Amino acid sequence: MHYTTNGNGPVVILIHGLFGDLDNLKALGKSLEDSFTVVRVDVANHGNSKRVTSMTYLSLAEDIKQLIENLNISNAILIGHSMGGKIAMATALSYPEQVSKLVVADIAPVTYNSRHDKVFAALESMPLSQIKDRRDALQHMLEHDIDEGTAQFLLKSLARSDEGFKWKMNVQGLKHSYNDIISWPTFTTPYQGACLFIRGADSDYVTSAHRSAIIEQFPTVKAKTIEGAGHWLHAQKASIFNRIVKEFITD
């Protein structure tokens, strides 16, 4: 697992969402570096981490467990957004002794319906050897009915190569694993550690329908809603999000 480390203090591991990389939560990391050792990771099939054919939450939790052991620490604070939140939750439920606190951003411990078909179509059909620059790439995304905000986020994973451009993420691996990514396994024992769920008021990823599933698996949970923010709450309301997270993990 590829990662970067900055700061000093108790270890906090930041885990990005689907199609992202370790830079997604960089602003949060910078806000924590004065009090914590911040480890930002590339999840499997993203960024510079390993390419795999299967991405179950049990295997992704094992990756985080191995990272904690490789860092020579007994436990860490886990903070994850979207898919990264599911990875953080799965790690806490699988290896509770290694997770001292948990922060989950705009995702619930449930199975979701497919909602990225258009994104995969746009990524797979990108003419990587033909586009001249990012403007061409953006135009391609817009023509495939991807809104500009999402398109700009996805294009952060576009890099120049000898043949033109390439994706820094393993698009085929993600597509192959997509059913596992939107699903959620069954855990028999709840996580009893300190836990905070933060949702965007304008997002439909965490709703009242998910309340019982959250409480059942995370009975000590605290919850915050950020008004005026959607699924990308950590970017849309960065200062508020960063403050809420820091207050919780410092308390």
Foldseek 3Di string as FASTA:
>chain_A
DDKDKAADEAEEEEEEAPLAFQCLCVLLVVLCRPHYIYIGGGFEQAFPDHHDQADALLVSLVVVVVVLVVVVHQAHAYEYAQLSLQNQQSNCLVPVRRHQEYEYEQAFQFFDDDDCPLVLVLVVPQPQLPDQDVVSSQVSSVVSVHDNVVSVRNCVQWAQDPSGIDGSGNSVSCVSHVNSSRHHDDGDAARAHHYEYEAEPAEPNDDPVRVVVRCVRYVNYDYYYDYPDYSSCCVRVVVVVSVVVVVRVVD
